[in-house]
Amino acid sequence: MRVRNYFERTADNFDALYDDRHNWQYYFNRVFRKGLFQRVEKTLEVFRHFQDFTVLDVGCGSGRNSVLFLEAGARRVVGVDFAPRMLDLAREHSQAKGVAERCEFIEADFLTYSFSESFDIVVALGVFDYVADPVSVLGRMARLSRGKVVASFPGVSPVRAPVRKVRYALKDCPLYFYTAGGLQRLCSPAGLAQFRIERIASGYMLVGSPTLIA
């Protein structure tokens, strides 16, 4: 509930981070928060191995990535998030980009929502920063995927991580950080096989296959 309330309050400011229309924050982030963009680039690299594919965008937020996934060749994208204002922005953005008929945005708790389908690729970018039980979320992603699971994780740093944790604590939003070894230990209990973990500017990218299709 704390995380949901935080993103409901900050939805418009969060969305502005990805808006390049004369936005100084966007260009600042391109230079000093490269991980935000690297994680999308790494995800699009995974897409190149698929054709006529579907994507589940977990914690889709304002839908910026969902639209990028469609533009990168996805046939259909389903985004799920628990912040209503984020989903309003996602629907507005997909309409503005002319792709609304190929995407669906669902207001729900990812762990409890009953999906009627599985997906070729299940993605969670910028989500595990706020997840207290990563095995449960990663495991649900694996069960819903018939191809790949792609996720980003914030790394531990001696300076930035403590500062960021305090900053978010003041906003009543918890944060969690990960090491490469810790991520490796998550994969097996979550039902992932043939996984790889790659370092990016501010953390890690995890790409894996569900155990049943490995």
Foldseek 3Di string as FASTA:
>chain_A
DLQLVLCLVCLVVVVLCCDPPPRPNVVVCVPVVVVLVVLLVVVLVVCVVDAQWEEEEEQCFLQPSVVVVVVSHHQAYEYEHQHVVRPVNNCVVCVVVVNNVRYHYYRDDLLPDDDPAATQEYEYEPPQQQDPDVLSVLLSRQVRHPHKYKYWFFADDPPPVVVVQVVVVVSVGHGDHDDPVRVVVSAVSSQWDPKDWDDDDGGIMIMTHGNVND
